[in-house]
């Protein structure tokens, strides 16, 4: 199968792209900066493309059968900016229809369900929900993946000798490794049909965020890490003056309060059960 990927060099885009290549897919990567992905995936075909340039997206999707999307809202984005998951999504859908794409796979979010709970409302989650609506209204068969927290998030929280945590939660999360998720994406495209599919993506074991962080720190071999905790309220206050802090305060509030429960039974039956534990992941990175 010929498959195009947008977002291959993202934190989760990398392991998914590698799994698709390893599974024998003919991969074409659409990238705004091709030089940044060429060294990562030397066997892939790489096309320069930009979501704000519709002609480049149309050209990149020619002769492709499927499309995988790893899009996101950057931490420094503002509500009035160009958003890849809404403004860009409209360009993608139009180009995919013209190219005859047979299926689109899209990485969404499980925690975006927190929108509307406990009076919580965040414009970023509005974008996430709108992206799903656009895809399901496109008349192209779509597979939408709703993941729990990725283990890769720990790498983003390492600051010198510390692993930084924000707030606290008693709610267990089913942490998932990017490579396990990548293998599930492979199976989803291998088994694709003409129906829309929704899959909750969760890992093999559940911990609160602090419990998971302690497991990661204990088994991380590269250097000794100490946990550093900051109250969410501090981030929310600083977020009045800094866009990245604003983003962090909102996402941490949602992660700490969303009442996640195990919902991946059908995913495991259809796409395989994840096997990588937090301890495994910490030793591998």
Protein backbone atom coordinates (compact mmCIF):
# COMPACT_ATOMS: atom_id res chain seq x y z
CA UNK A 1 0.00 0.00 0.00
CA UNK A 2 1.19 3.52 -0.80
CA UNK A 3 0.69 5.69 2.27
CA UNK A 4 1.41 9.38 2.79
CA UNK A 5 2.25 10.76 6.21
CA UNK A 6 1.92 14.32 7.47
CA UNK A 7 3.71 14.87 10.77
CA UNK A 8 6.32 12.11 10.49
CA UNK A 9 8.95 13.94 12.52
CA UNK A 10 6.71 14.57 15.54
CA UNK A 11 7.32 12.85 18.87
CA UNK A 12 4.71 10.18 18.06
CA UNK A 13 4.96 10.54 14.28
CA UNK A 14 8.46 9.05 14.35
CA UNK A 15 7.63 5.63 15.83
CA UNK A 16 4.45 5.33 13.75
CA UNK A 17 6.31 6.14 10.53
CA UNK A 18 9.03 3.64 11.38
CA UNK A 19 6.49 0.90 12.07
CA UNK A 20 4.78 1.55 8.72
CA UNK A 21 8.13 1.37 6.92
CA UNK A 22 9.11 -1.82 8.77
CA UNK A 23 5.76 -3.39 7.84
CA UNK A 24 6.48 -2.91 4.13
CA UNK A 25 4.32 0.09 3.31
CA UNK A 26 5.57 2.39 0.56
CA UNK A 27 5.84 5.59 2.60
CA UNK A 28 5.76 9.14 1.25
CA UNK A 29 6.41 11.83 3.84
CA UNK A 30 4.98 15.30 3.28
CA UNK A 31 7.18 17.72 5.21
CA UNK A 32 7.56 21.47 5.34
CA UNK A 33 11.31 20.99 5.96
CA UNK A 34 12.37 17.78 4.15
CA UNK A 35 15.95 18.01 5.40
CA UNK A 36 14.71 17.45 8.96
CA UNK A 37 13.19 14.05 8.15
CA UNK A 38 15.51 12.72 5.43
CA UNK A 39 18.09 11.46 7.91
CA UNK A 40 15.39 9.88 10.06
CA UNK A 41 13.78 7.88 7.26
CA UNK A 42 16.32 7.37 4.44
CA UNK A 43 14.18 4.77 2.63
CA UNK A 44 11.05 6.93 2.51
CA UNK A 45 10.05 9.21 -0.35
CA UNK A 46 10.03 12.79 0.96
CA UNK A 47 8.05 15.62 -0.63
CA UNK A 48 8.25 19.27 0.34
CA UNK A 49 4.72 20.37 1.27
CA UNK A 50 3.05 22.96 3.46
CA UNK A 51 -0.53 22.93 4.73
CA UNK A 52 -0.76 26.62 3.90
CA UNK A 53 0.08 25.77 0.28
CA UNK A 54 -2.80 23.61 -1.03
CA UNK A 55 -1.07 22.90 -4.35
CA UNK A 56 1.85 21.26 -2.56
CA UNK A 57 -0.52 18.99 -0.59
CA UNK A 58 -2.37 18.01 -3.76
CA UNK A 59 0.93 17.14 -5.45
CA UNK A 60 2.14 15.13 -2.45
CA UNK A 61 -1.00 12.98 -2.30
CA UNK A 62 -0.96 11.93 -5.94
CA UNK A 63 -0.74 8.12 -6.41
CA UNK A 64 -1.31 7.50 -2.70
CA UNK A 65 -3.92 5.07 -1.38
CA UNK A 66 -3.92 6.06 2.30
CA UNK A 67 -2.97 8.98 4.52
CA UNK A 68 -1.88 9.13 8.15
CA UNK A 69 -2.08 12.43 10.06
CA UNK A 70 -0.06 13.35 13.14
CA UNK A 71 -1.11 16.98 13.66
CA UNK A 72 -1.09 19.13 16.76
CA UNK A 73 -1.68 22.53 18.30
CA UNK A 74 1.67 24.04 19.21
CA UNK A 75 2.12 25.30 22.74
CA UNK A 76 2.74 28.83 21.49
CA UNK A 77 -0.31 28.94 19.21
CA UNK A 78 -3.08 31.44 19.77
CA UNK A 79 -6.80 31.10 18.95
CA UNK A 80 -6.59 33.34 15.88
CA UNK A 81 -3.58 31.57 14.33
CA UNK A 82 -3.60 29.08 11.46
CA UNK A 83 -4.39 25.66 12.96
CA UNK A 84 -3.24 22.48 11.23
CA UNK A 85 -6.15 20.44 12.61
CA UNK A 86 -8.89 22.73 11.30
CA UNK A 87 -7.60 25.14 8.65
CA UNK A 88 -5.04 22.60 7.48
CA UNK A 89 -7.52 19.74 7.74
CA UNK A 90 -9.83 21.39 5.20
CA UNK A 91 -6.94 21.57 2.74
CA UNK A 92 -6.02 17.95 3.44
CA UNK A 93 -9.55 16.65 2.92
CA UNK A 94 -9.99 18.51 -0.35
CA UNK A 95 -6.65 17.22 -1.66
CA UNK A 96 -7.37 13.67 -0.43
CA UNK A 97 -10.67 13.60 -2.31
CA UNK A 98 -9.00 14.79 -5.49
CA UNK A 99 -6.25 12.18 -5.13
CA UNK A 100 -8.67 9.32 -4.45
CA UNK A 101 -7.35 8.54 -0.96
CA UNK A 102 -9.13 5.40 0.28
CA UNK A 103 -8.58 5.87 4.04
CA UNK A 104 -7.33 8.51 6.44
CA UNK A 105 -5.88 7.67 9.84
CA UNK A 106 -5.77 10.47 12.41
CA UNK A 107 -4.19 10.76 15.84
CA UNK A 108 -6.71 12.49 18.10
CA UNK A 109 -6.89 12.63 21.91
CA UNK A 110 -8.69 10.81 24.70
CA UNK A 111 -8.38 13.60 27.26
CA UNK A 112 -10.17 16.07 24.96
CA UNK A 113 -13.34 14.40 26.28
CA UNK A 114 -12.78 16.45 29.42
CA UNK A 115 -14.23 19.43 27.55
CA UNK A 116 -17.41 20.49 29.37
CA UNK A 117 -16.66 18.55 32.57
CA UNK A 118 -16.39 20.52 35.82
CA UNK A 119 -16.95 23.73 33.87
CA UNK A 120 -13.77 23.20 31.84
CA UNK A 121 -13.61 24.77 28.39
CA UNK A 122 -10.46 25.26 26.30
CA UNK A 123 -10.24 26.48 22.72
CA UNK A 124 -7.58 23.84 21.94
CA UNK A 125 -10.08 21.06 22.64
CA UNK A 126 -12.60 22.85 20.41
CA UNK A 127 -10.07 22.43 17.59
CA UNK A 128 -9.60 18.75 18.40
CA UNK A 129 -13.35 18.11 18.31
CA UNK A 130 -13.75 20.11 15.10
CA UNK A 131 -11.02 18.04 13.42
CA UNK A 132 -12.96 14.85 14.15
CA UNK A 133 -16.15 16.41 12.83
CA UNK A 134 -14.45 17.49 9.60
CA UNK A 135 -13.00 14.04 9.00
CA UNK A 136 -16.23 12.19 9.67
CA UNK A 137 -18.11 14.56 7.33
CA UNK A 138 -15.55 14.08 4.55
CA UNK A 139 -17.08 10.93 2.98
CA UNK A 140 -13.60 9.34 3.08
CA UNK A 141 -13.35 6.31 5.39
CA UNK A 142 -11.45 7.37 8.51
CA UNK A 143 -9.79 5.61 11.42
CA UNK A 144 -9.51 7.88 14.43
CA UNK A 145 -7.21 6.92 17.30
CA UNK A 146 -7.95 8.31 20.78
CA UNK A 147 -4.83 7.69 22.89
CA UNK A 148 -4.25 7.84 26.58
CA UNK A 149 -1.00 9.50 27.68
CA UNK A 150 2.08 8.52 25.68
CA UNK A 151 5.16 7.37 27.57
CA UNK A 152 7.15 9.72 25.31
CA UNK A 153 5.74 12.62 27.34
CA UNK A 154 8.26 11.81 30.09
CA UNK A 155 11.12 12.78 27.76
CA UNK A 156 9.59 16.23 27.30
CA UNK A 157 9.46 16.73 31.07
CA UNK A 158 13.15 16.13 31.74
CA UNK A 159 14.77 19.41 32.74
CA UNK A 160 18.39 18.90 33.70
CA UNK A 161 18.46 16.48 36.66
CA UNK A 162 14.69 16.74 37.19
CA UNK A 163 11.56 15.13 35.81
CA UNK A 164 8.98 17.90 36.16
CA UNK A 165 5.40 17.14 37.18
CA UNK A 166 2.47 19.53 37.32
CA UNK A 167 -0.21 19.12 39.97
CA UNK A 168 -1.34 15.74 41.21
CA UNK A 169 -4.03 13.19 40.43
CA UNK A 170 -5.43 10.00 41.93
CA UNK A 171 -6.83 8.85 38.57
CA UNK A 172 -4.88 6.04 36.85
CA UNK A 173 -3.87 6.52 33.20
CA UNK A 174 -3.21 3.68 30.76
CA UNK A 175 0.17 4.87 29.44
CA UNK A 176 1.04 3.72 25.91
CA UNK A 177 4.41 3.57 24.14
CA UNK A 178 4.62 5.16 20.69
CA UNK A 179 6.01 1.99 19.06
CA UNK A 180 3.14 -0.13 20.44
CA UNK A 181 0.71 2.43 19.06
CA UNK A 182 2.58 2.38 15.75
CA UNK A 183 2.05 -1.36 15.42
CA UNK A 184 -1.66 -0.84 16.02
CA UNK A 185 -1.74 1.81 13.29
CA UNK A 186 -0.12 -0.69 10.91
CA UNK A 187 -2.80 -3.29 11.63
CA UNK A 188 -5.55 -0.71 11.24
CA UNK A 189 -4.41 0.10 7.70
CA UNK A 190 -3.84 -3.56 6.87
CA UNK A 191 -7.41 -4.38 7.92
CA UNK A 192 -9.04 -1.25 6.50
CA UNK A 193 -12.45 -1.37 4.85
CA UNK A 194 -15.00 1.23 3.82
CA UNK A 195 -16.28 1.87 7.36
CA UNK A 196 -15.30 4.59 9.82
CA UNK A 197 -13.42 3.20 12.82
CA UNK A 198 -12.82 4.69 16.27
CA UNK A 199 -10.16 3.15 18.52
CA UNK A 200 -9.27 4.02 22.10
CA UNK A 201 -5.51 3.52 22.50
CA UNK A 202 -4.36 2.40 25.96
CA UNK A 203 -1.33 0.54 27.27
CA UNK A 204 -1.03 -2.66 29.31
CA UNK A 205 -0.96 -1.13 32.80
CA UNK A 206 -2.43 1.86 34.62
CA UNK A 207 -0.76 4.26 37.04
CA UNK A 208 -1.43 7.74 38.33
CA UNK A 209 0.93 10.22 36.70
CA UNK A 210 3.16 10.41 39.76
CA UNK A 211 3.30 6.62 40.12
CA UNK A 212 4.24 6.30 36.45
CA UNK A 213 6.89 9.01 36.78
CA UNK A 214 8.45 7.20 39.74
CA UNK A 215 8.60 3.99 37.70
CA UNK A 216 10.22 5.86 34.82
CA UNK A 217 12.81 7.55 37.05
CA UNK A 218 13.67 4.28 38.78
CA UNK A 219 14.41 2.47 35.51
CA UNK A 220 15.86 5.31 33.40
CA UNK A 221 19.53 4.36 32.86
CA UNK A 222 20.96 7.49 31.23
CA UNK A 223 21.20 9.65 34.34
CA UNK A 224 19.78 9.96 37.83
CA UNK A 225 16.54 11.94 37.83
CA UNK A 226 14.66 13.55 40.69
CA UNK A 227 10.96 14.35 40.64
CA UNK A 228 10.07 18.03 40.78
CA UNK A 229 6.42 18.98 41.35
CA UNK A 230 4.79 22.32 40.60
CA UNK A 231 1.20 23.23 41.51
CA UNK A 232 -1.07 23.60 38.50
CA UNK A 233 -2.33 26.86 40.02
CA UNK A 234 1.15 28.37 39.58
CA UNK A 235 1.20 27.43 35.89
CA UNK A 236 -2.29 28.81 35.44
CA UNK A 237 -1.28 32.11 37.02
CA UNK A 238 1.87 32.36 34.89
CA UNK A 239 -0.27 31.44 31.89
CA UNK A 240 -1.85 34.88 32.06
CA UNK A 241 1.46 36.24 30.80
CA UNK A 242 2.97 33.34 28.82
CA UNK A 243 1.23 31.31 26.11
CA UNK A 244 3.24 28.12 26.73
CA UNK A 245 2.47 28.26 30.46
CA UNK A 246 -1.20 28.81 29.58
CA UNK A 247 -1.15 25.69 27.43
CA UNK A 248 0.60 23.68 30.15
CA UNK A 249 -1.83 24.74 32.84
CA UNK A 250 -4.86 23.73 30.77
CA UNK A 251 -3.54 20.38 29.58
CA UNK A 252 -2.40 19.43 33.09
CA UNK A 253 -5.77 20.31 34.58
CA UNK A 254 -7.48 18.09 32.00
CA UNK A 255 -5.02 15.21 32.44
CA UNK A 256 -5.28 15.33 36.23
CA UNK A 257 -9.08 15.43 36.31
CA UNK A 258 -10.31 13.44 33.30
CA UNK A 259 -11.88 10.23 34.71
CA UNK A 260 -10.11 7.80 32.39
CA UNK A 261 -11.29 4.19 32.43
CA UNK A 262 -10.20 1.19 30.43
CA UNK A 263 -11.93 1.18 27.05
CA UNK A 264 -9.45 -0.58 24.76
CA UNK A 265 -10.99 -4.07 24.65
CA UNK A 266 -12.07 -3.75 21.01
CA UNK A 267 -8.80 -2.09 20.04
CA UNK A 268 -6.80 -4.97 21.47
CA UNK A 269 -9.07 -7.51 19.77
CA UNK A 270 -8.76 -5.81 16.38
CA UNK A 271 -5.27 -4.33 16.46
CA UNK A 272 -3.34 -6.34 19.04
CA UNK A 273 -2.50 -5.87 22.71
CA UNK A 274 0.35 -3.48 23.64
CA UNK A 275 3.21 -5.11 25.53
CA UNK A 276 5.63 -2.32 26.48
CA UNK A 277 5.50 -1.33 30.16
CA UNK A 278 6.77 1.95 31.58
CA UNK A 279 9.78 0.09 33.00
CA UNK A 280 10.51 -1.38 29.54
CA UNK A 281 10.19 2.01 27.90
CA UNK A 282 12.46 3.76 30.43
CA UNK A 283 15.21 1.18 29.84
CA UNK A 284 14.93 1.46 26.04
CA UNK A 285 15.15 5.24 25.54
